[in-house]
PDB file of N, CA and C in Angstrom:
ATOM      1  N   MET A   1     -12.567  -1.990   0.821  1.00  0.00           N
ATOM      2  CA  MET A   1     -11.556  -1.095   1.332  1.00  0.00           C
ATOM      3  C   MET A   1     -12.085   0.330   1.457  1.00  0.00           C
ATOM      4  N   LEU A   2     -13.269   0.584   0.936  1.00  0.00           N
ATOM      5  CA  LEU A   2     -13.810   1.939   0.981  1.00  0.00           C
ATOM      6  C   LEU A   2     -13.962   2.439   2.419  1.00  0.00           C
ATOM      7  N   ASN A   3     -14.300   1.540   3.330  1.00  0.00           N
ATOM      8  CA  ASN A   3     -14.459   1.948   4.724  1.00  0.00           C
ATOM      9  C   ASN A   3     -13.119   2.262   5.396  1.00  0.00           C
ATOM     10  N   LYS A   4     -12.015   1.864   4.795  1.00  0.00           N
ATOM     11  CA  LYS A   4     -10.685   2.152   5.340  1.00  0.00           C
ATOM     12  C   LYS A   4     -10.057   3.401   4.728  1.00  0.00           C
ATOM     13  N   LEU A   5     -10.718   3.957   3.719  1.00  0.00           N
ATOM     14  CA  LEU A   5     -10.196   5.120   3.024  1.00  0.00           C
ATOM     15  C   LEU A   5     -10.118   6.319   3.966  1.00  0.00           C
ATOM     16  N   ASP A   6      -9.024   7.054   3.880  1.00  0.00           N
ATOM     17  CA  ASP A   6      -8.846   8.267   4.677  1.00  0.00           C
ATOM     18  C   ASP A   6     -10.094   9.139   4.498  1.00  0.00           C
ATOM     19  N   PRO A   7     -10.757   9.504   5.600  1.00  0.00           N
ATOM     20  CA  PRO A   7     -11.994  10.283   5.483  1.00  0.00           C
ATOM     21  C   PRO A   7     -11.805  11.625   4.774  1.00  0.00           C
ATOM     22  N   ARG A   8     -10.637  12.194   4.870  1.00  0.00           N
ATOM     23  CA  ARG A   8     -10.366  13.466   4.184  1.00  0.00           C
ATOM     24  C   ARG A   8     -10.354  13.264   2.678  1.00  0.00           C
ATOM     25  N   VAL A   9      -9.795  12.140   2.236  1.00  0.00           N
ATOM     26  CA  VAL A   9      -9.768  11.813   0.801  1.00  0.00           C
ATOM     27  C   VAL A   9     -11.186  11.544   0.313  1.00  0.00           C
ATOM     28  N   LYS A  10     -11.936  10.775   1.087  1.00  0.00           N
ATOM     29  CA  LYS A  10     -13.321  10.466   0.710  1.00  0.00           C
ATOM     30  C   LYS A  10     -14.155  11.745   0.631  1.00  0.00           C
ATOM     31  N   GLU A  11     -13.928  12.671   1.530  1.00  0.00           N
ATOM     32  CA  GLU A  11     -14.662  13.935   1.508  1.00  0.00           C
ATOM     33  C   GLU A  11     -14.389  14.718   0.215  1.00  0.00           C
ATOM     34  N   LEU A  12     -13.135  14.743  -0.207  1.00  0.00           N
ATOM     35  CA  LEU A  12     -12.800  15.420  -1.465  1.00  0.00           C
ATOM     36  C   LEU A  12     -13.437  14.715  -2.656  1.00  0.00           C
ATOM     37  N   MET A  13     -13.442  13.397  -2.617  1.00  0.00           N
ATOM     38  CA  MET A  13     -14.092  12.649  -3.689  1.00  0.00           C
ATOM     39  C   MET A  13     -15.581  12.974  -3.740  1.00  0.00           C
ATOM     40  N   ASP A  14     -16.214  13.005  -2.564  1.00  0.00           N
ATOM     41  CA  ASP A  14     -17.641  13.316  -2.497  1.00  0.00           C
ATOM     42  C   ASP A  14     -17.920  14.715  -3.055  1.00  0.00           C
ATOM     43  N   GLN A  15     -17.038  15.657  -2.787  1.00  0.00           N
ATOM     44  CA  GLN A  15     -17.200  17.023  -3.289  1.00  0.00           C
ATOM     45  C   GLN A  15     -17.115  17.061  -4.813  1.00  0.00           C
ATOM     46  N   ASP A  16     -16.308  16.194  -5.393  1.00  0.00           N
ATOM     47  CA  ASP A  16     -16.126  16.157  -6.851  1.00  0.00           C
ATOM     48  C   ASP A  16     -17.177  15.315  -7.573  1.00  0.00           C
ATOM     49  N   GLU A  17     -18.004  14.611  -6.814  1.00  0.00           N
ATOM     50  CA  GLU A  17     -18.932  13.663  -7.440  1.00  0.00           C
ATOM     51  C   GLU A  17     -19.957  14.341  -8.355  1.00  0.00           C
ATOM     52  N   ASN A  18     -20.386  15.547  -8.029  1.00  0.00           N
ATOM     53  CA  ASN A  18     -21.339  16.246  -8.913  1.00  0.00           C
ATOM     54  C   ASN A  18     -20.698  16.633 -10.229  1.00  0.00           C
ATOM     55  N   GLU A  19     -19.431  17.032 -10.175  1.00  0.00           N
ATOM     56  CA  GLU A  19     -18.735  17.470 -11.388  1.00  0.00           C
ATOM     57  C   GLU A  19     -18.244  16.294 -12.238  1.00  0.00           C
ATOM     58  N   PHE A  20     -17.823  15.220 -11.575  1.00  0.00           N
ATOM     59  CA  PHE A  20     -17.276  14.036 -12.264  1.00  0.00           C
ATOM     60  C   PHE A  20     -17.974  12.764 -11.779  1.00  0.00           C
ATOM     61  N   PRO A  21     -19.279  12.651 -11.994  1.00  0.00           N
ATOM     62  CA  PRO A  21     -20.027  11.530 -11.405  1.00  0.00           C
ATOM     63  C   PRO A  21     -19.550  10.148 -11.850  1.00  0.00           C
ATOM     64  N   ASN A  22     -19.265   9.982 -13.128  1.00  0.00           N
ATOM     65  CA  ASN A  22     -18.850   8.658 -13.609  1.00  0.00           C
ATOM     66  C   ASN A  22     -17.498   8.252 -13.037  1.00  0.00           C
ATOM     67  N   LEU A  23     -16.565   9.178 -13.027  1.00  0.00           N
ATOM     68  CA  LEU A  23     -15.228   8.899 -12.499  1.00  0.00           C
ATOM     69  C   LEU A  23     -15.291   8.527 -11.024  1.00  0.00           C
ATOM     70  N   ILE A  24     -15.976   9.318 -10.241  1.00  0.00           N
ATOM     71  CA  ILE A  24     -16.015   9.089  -8.794  1.00  0.00           C
ATOM     72  C   ILE A  24     -16.770   7.800  -8.475  1.00  0.00           C
ATOM     73  N   ARG A  25     -17.875   7.565  -9.167  1.00  0.00           N
ATOM     74  CA  ARG A  25     -18.610   6.303  -8.933  1.00  0.00           C
ATOM     75  C   ARG A  25     -17.751   5.096  -9.288  1.00  0.00           C
ATOM     76  N   ARG A  26     -17.020   5.197 -10.407  1.00  0.00           N
ATOM     77  CA  ARG A  26     -16.149   4.086 -10.813  1.00  0.00           C
ATOM     78  C   ARG A  26     -15.043   3.866  -9.772  1.00  0.00           C
ATOM     79  N   MET A  27     -14.457   4.967  -9.293  1.00  0.00           N
ATOM     80  CA  MET A  27     -13.410   4.838  -8.282  1.00  0.00           C
ATOM     81  C   MET A  27     -13.958   4.210  -7.000  1.00  0.00           C
ATOM     82  N   LYS A  28     -15.112   4.684  -6.547  1.00  0.00           N
ATOM     83  CA  LYS A  28     -15.705   4.144  -5.311  1.00  0.00           C
ATOM     84  C   LYS A  28     -16.043   2.664  -5.473  1.00  0.00           C
ATOM     85  N   ARG A  29     -16.583   2.315  -6.638  1.00  0.00           N
ATOM     86  CA  ARG A  29     -16.907   0.899  -6.885  1.00  0.00           C
ATOM     87  C   ARG A  29     -15.642   0.046  -6.861  1.00  0.00           C
ATOM     88  N   GLU A  30     -14.618   0.540  -7.537  1.00  0.00           N
ATOM     89  CA  GLU A  30     -13.359  -0.198  -7.592  1.00  0.00           C
ATOM     90  C   GLU A  30     -12.735  -0.340  -6.199  1.00  0.00           C
ATOM     91  N   ILE A  31     -12.723   0.727  -5.445  1.00  0.00           N
ATOM     92  CA  ILE A  31     -12.167   0.682  -4.085  1.00  0.00           C
ATOM     93  C   ILE A  31     -12.990  -0.263  -3.220  1.00  0.00           C
ATOM     94  N   GLY A  32     -14.310  -0.191  -3.367  1.00  0.00           N
ATOM     95  CA  GLY A  32     -15.193  -1.063  -2.589  1.00  0.00           C
ATOM     96  C   GLY A  32     -15.008  -2.536  -2.901  1.00  0.00           C
ATOM     97  N   GLU A  33     -14.675  -2.852  -4.142  1.00  0.00           N
ATOM     98  CA  GLU A  33     -14.491  -4.252  -4.549  1.00  0.00           C
ATOM     99  C   GLU A  33     -13.079  -4.760  -4.309  1.00  0.00           C
ATOM    100  N   ALA A  34     -12.143  -3.864  -4.101  1.00  0.00           N
ATOM    101  CA  ALA A  34     -10.735  -4.259  -3.929  1.00  0.00           C
ATOM    102  C   ALA A  34     -10.539  -4.988  -2.599  1.00  0.00           C
ATOM    103  N   LYS A  35      -9.785  -6.044  -2.656  1.00  0.00           N
ATOM    104  CA  LYS A  35      -9.421  -6.796  -1.442  1.00  0.00           C
ATOM    105  C   LYS A  35      -8.086  -6.305  -0.899  1.00  0.00           C
ATOM    106  N   ILE A  36      -7.196  -5.938  -1.822  1.00  0.00           N
ATOM    107  CA  ILE A  36      -5.885  -5.407  -1.449  1.00  0.00           C
ATOM    108  C   ILE A  36      -5.583  -4.199  -2.333  1.00  0.00           C
ATOM    109  N   ILE A  37      -4.643  -3.394  -1.933  1.00  0.00           N
ATOM    110  CA  ILE A  37      -4.299  -2.190  -2.685  1.00  0.00           C
ATOM    111  C   ILE A  37      -3.881  -2.528  -4.113  1.00  0.00           C
ATOM    112  N   GLY A  38      -3.259  -3.667  -4.301  1.00  0.00           N
ATOM    113  CA  GLY A  38      -2.828  -4.091  -5.628  1.00  0.00           C
ATOM    114  C   GLY A  38      -3.981  -4.328  -6.595  1.00  0.00           C
ATOM    115  N   ASP A  39      -5.208  -4.415  -6.083  1.00  0.00           N
ATOM    116  CA  ASP A  39      -6.382  -4.595  -6.942  1.00  0.00           C
ATOM    117  C   ASP A  39      -6.813  -3.298  -7.625  1.00  0.00           C
ATOM    118  N   LEU A  40      -6.291  -2.167  -7.173  1.00  0.00           N
ATOM    119  CA  LEU A  40      -6.669  -0.881  -7.757  1.00  0.00           C
ATOM    120  C   LEU A  40      -5.975  -0.669  -9.095  1.00  0.00           C
ATOM    121  N   THR A  41      -6.686  -0.044 -10.032  1.00  0.00           N
ATOM    122  CA  THR A  41      -6.052   0.303 -11.296  1.00  0.00           C
ATOM    123  C   THR A  41      -5.099   1.474 -11.073  1.00  0.00           C
ATOM    124  N   ILE A  42      -4.194   1.665 -12.003  1.00  0.00           N
ATOM    125  CA  ILE A  42      -3.262   2.785 -11.925  1.00  0.00           C
ATOM    126  C   ILE A  42      -4.035   4.105 -11.932  1.00  0.00           C
ATOM    127  N   MET A  43      -5.087   4.192 -12.737  1.00  0.00           N
ATOM    128  CA  MET A  43      -5.878   5.420 -12.801  1.00  0.00           C
ATOM    129  C   MET A  43      -6.466   5.775 -11.437  1.00  0.00           C
ATOM    130  N   THR A  44      -7.075   4.801 -10.782  1.00  0.00           N
ATOM    131  CA  THR A  44      -7.663   5.062  -9.464  1.00  0.00           C
ATOM    132  C   THR A  44      -6.578   5.394  -8.452  1.00  0.00           C
ATOM    133  N   ALA A  45      -5.484   4.663  -8.499  1.00  0.00           N
ATOM    134  CA  ALA A  45      -4.381   4.932  -7.577  1.00  0.00           C
ATOM    135  C   ALA A  45      -3.843   6.347  -7.760  1.00  0.00           C
ATOM    136  N   GLU A  46      -3.652   6.762  -9.005  1.00  0.00           N
ATOM    137  CA  GLU A  46      -3.154   8.118  -9.283  1.00  0.00           C
ATOM    138  C   GLU A  46      -4.125   9.174  -8.775  1.00  0.00           C
ATOM    139  N   ASN A  47      -5.414   8.959  -9.017  1.00  0.00           N
ATOM    140  CA  ASN A  47      -6.409   9.916  -8.533  1.00  0.00           C
ATOM    141  C   ASN A  47      -6.434   9.977  -7.012  1.00  0.00           C
ATOM    142  N   LEU A  48      -6.333   8.839  -6.363  1.00  0.00           N
ATOM    143  CA  LEU A  48      -6.281   8.820  -4.893  1.00  0.00           C
ATOM    144  C   LEU A  48      -5.067   9.585  -4.384  1.00  0.00           C
ATOM    145  N   LEU A  49      -3.935   9.390  -5.038  1.00  0.00           N
ATOM    146  CA  LEU A  49      -2.724  10.105  -4.627  1.00  0.00           C
ATOM    147  C   LEU A  49      -2.874  11.603  -4.823  1.00  0.00           C
ATOM    148  N   ASN A  50      -3.543  12.021  -5.887  1.00  0.00           N
ATOM    149  CA  ASN A  50      -3.785  13.448  -6.096  1.00  0.00           C
ATOM    150  C   ASN A  50      -4.652  14.025  -4.975  1.00  0.00           C
ATOM    151  N   TYR A  51      -5.683  13.296  -4.587  1.00  0.00           N
ATOM    152  CA  TYR A  51      -6.514  13.742  -3.459  1.00  0.00           C
ATOM    153  C   TYR A  51      -5.686  13.780  -2.164  1.00  0.00           C
ATOM    154  N   TYR A  52      -4.894  12.759  -1.969  1.00  0.00           N
ATOM    155  CA  TYR A  52      -4.085  12.676  -0.745  1.00  0.00           C
ATOM    156  C   TYR A  52      -3.094  13.828  -0.663  1.00  0.00           C
ATOM    157  N   ASP A  53      -2.494  14.175  -1.792  1.00  0.00           N
ATOM    158  CA  ASP A  53      -1.575  15.313  -1.807  1.00  0.00           C
ATOM    159  C   ASP A  53      -2.299  16.603  -1.431  1.00  0.00           C
ATOM    160  N   GLN A  54      -3.557  16.722  -1.808  1.00  0.00           N
ATOM    161  CA  GLN A  54      -4.336  17.911  -1.455  1.00  0.00           C
ATOM    162  C   GLN A  54      -4.569  17.993   0.047  1.00  0.00           C
ATOM    163  N   VAL A  55      -4.924  16.880   0.670  1.00  0.00           N
ATOM    164  CA  VAL A  55      -5.199  16.912   2.116  1.00  0.00           C
ATOM    165  C   VAL A  55      -3.927  17.011   2.931  1.00  0.00           C
ATOM    166  N   GLU A  56      -2.829  16.595   2.347  1.00  0.00           N
ATOM    167  CA  GLU A  56      -1.545  16.691   3.035  1.00  0.00           C
ATOM    168  C   GLU A  56      -0.800  17.959   2.630  1.00  0.00           C
ATOM    169  N   ASP A  57      -1.492  18.867   1.939  1.00  0.00           N
ATOM    170  CA  ASP A  57      -0.907  20.127   1.468  1.00  0.00           C
ATOM    171  C   ASP A  57       0.345  19.908   0.630  1.00  0.00           C
ATOM    172  N   GLY A  58       0.399  18.775  -0.068  1.00  0.00           N
ATOM    173  CA  GLY A  58       1.533  18.495  -0.941  1.00  0.00           C
ATOM    174  C   GLY A  58       2.826  18.219  -0.197  1.00  0.00           C
ATOM    175  N   ALA A  59       2.764  18.102   1.116  1.00  0.00           N
ATOM    176  CA  ALA A  59       3.975  17.870   1.906  1.00  0.00           C
ATOM    177  C   ALA A  59       4.527  16.475   1.629  1.00  0.00           C
ATOM    178  N   GLU A  60       5.789  16.416   1.350  1.00  0.00           N
ATOM    179  CA  GLU A  60       6.445  15.125   1.130  1.00  0.00           C
ATOM    180  C   GLU A  60       6.967  14.601   2.460  1.00  0.00           C
ATOM    181  N   ASP A  61       6.560  13.432   2.785  1.00  0.00           N
ATOM    182  CA  ASP A  61       7.004  12.765   4.002  1.00  0.00           C
ATOM    183  C   ASP A  61       7.927  11.634   3.560  1.00  0.00           C
ATOM    184  N   LEU A  62       9.069  11.499   4.174  1.00  0.00           N
ATOM    185  CA  LEU A  62      10.035  10.488   3.735  1.00  0.00           C
ATOM    186  C   LEU A  62       9.447   9.083   3.726  1.00  0.00           C
ATOM    187  N   ARG A  63       8.608   8.774   4.699  1.00  0.00           N
ATOM    188  CA  ARG A  63       8.068   7.414   4.755  1.00  0.00           C
ATOM    189  C   ARG A  63       7.011   7.186   3.694  1.00  0.00           C
ATOM    190  N   SER A  64       6.466   8.245   3.104  1.00  0.00           N
ATOM    191  CA  SER A  64       5.390   8.054   2.139  1.00  0.00           C
ATOM    192  C   SER A  64       5.668   8.740   0.804  1.00  0.00           C
ATOM    193  N   SER A  65       6.920   8.965   0.488  1.00  0.00           N
ATOM    194  CA  SER A  65       7.235   9.679  -0.745  1.00  0.00           C
ATOM    195  C   SER A  65       7.156   8.794  -1.978  1.00  0.00           C
ATOM    196  N   ARG A  66       6.990   7.532  -1.803  1.00  0.00           N
ATOM    197  CA  ARG A  66       6.877   6.620  -2.941  1.00  0.00           C
ATOM    198  C   ARG A  66       5.425   6.255  -3.196  1.00  0.00           C
ATOM    199  N   PHE A  67       5.145   5.978  -4.432  1.00  0.00           N
ATOM    200  CA  PHE A  67       3.802   5.698  -4.912  1.00  0.00           C
ATOM    201  C   PHE A  67       3.059   4.671  -4.053  1.00  0.00           C
ATOM    202  N   VAL A  68       3.597   3.492  -3.909  1.00  0.00           N
ATOM    203  CA  VAL A  68       2.913   2.413  -3.198  1.00  0.00           C
ATOM    204  C   VAL A  68       2.792   2.726  -1.714  1.00  0.00           C
ATOM    205  N   LEU A  69       3.811   3.305  -1.123  1.00  0.00           N
ATOM    206  CA  LEU A  69       3.743   3.636   0.297  1.00  0.00           C
ATOM    207  C   LEU A  69       2.670   4.687   0.563  1.00  0.00           C
ATOM    208  N   LYS A  70       2.513   5.629  -0.336  1.00  0.00           N
ATOM    209  CA  LYS A  70       1.449   6.617  -0.188  1.00  0.00           C
ATOM    210  C   LYS A  70       0.088   5.937  -0.246  1.00  0.00           C
ATOM    211  N   LEU A  71      -0.059   4.974  -1.141  1.00  0.00           N
ATOM    212  CA  LEU A  71      -1.329   4.253  -1.224  1.00  0.00           C
ATOM    213  C   LEU A  71      -1.641   3.576   0.098  1.00  0.00           C
ATOM    214  N   TYR A  72      -0.661   2.944   0.705  1.00  0.00           N
ATOM    215  CA  TYR A  72      -0.890   2.313   1.992  1.00  0.00           C
ATOM    216  C   TYR A  72      -1.276   3.342   3.040  1.00  0.00           C
ATOM    217  N   ASP A  73      -0.661   4.514   3.023  1.00  0.00           N
ATOM    218  CA  ASP A  73      -1.009   5.576   3.954  1.00  0.00           C
ATOM    219  C   ASP A  73      -2.470   6.003   3.793  1.00  0.00           C
ATOM    220  N   ILE A  74      -2.940   6.068   2.563  1.00  0.00           N
ATOM    221  CA  ILE A  74      -4.317   6.486   2.300  1.00  0.00           C
ATOM    222  C   ILE A  74      -5.294   5.557   2.996  1.00  0.00           C
ATOM    223  N   PHE A  75      -4.951   4.278   3.092  1.00  0.00           N
ATOM    224  CA  PHE A  75      -5.827   3.299   3.704  1.00  0.00           C
ATOM    225  C   PHE A  75      -5.426   2.963   5.139  1.00  0.00           C
ATOM    226  N   GLY A  76      -4.550   3.782   5.732  1.00  0.00           N
ATOM    227  CA  GLY A  76      -4.184   3.594   7.131  1.00  0.00           C
ATOM    228  C   GLY A  76      -3.371   2.354   7.400  1.00  0.00           C
ATOM    229  N   LYS A  77      -2.621   1.923   6.425  1.00  0.00           N
ATOM    230  CA  LYS A  77      -1.804   0.711   6.596  1.00  0.00           C
ATOM    231  C   LYS A  77      -0.383   1.098   6.893  1.00  0.00           C
TER     232      LYS A  77
END
């Protein structure tokens, strides 16, 4: 699923990789191995949502205001 990740989110992750190498590598590995969004741990999902909120300037969109729906948005689903 890593290739489906919003490029803006991936860019932020890449920027943080020097500061948090273990976290970012673990997240990328987990995302890469995931077959469906439900395969992600809560920790990775929460971190992805934090990145997504940054690229979306924290704007709440009615269609994506819920946790799982935001995750689907991150992967273009």
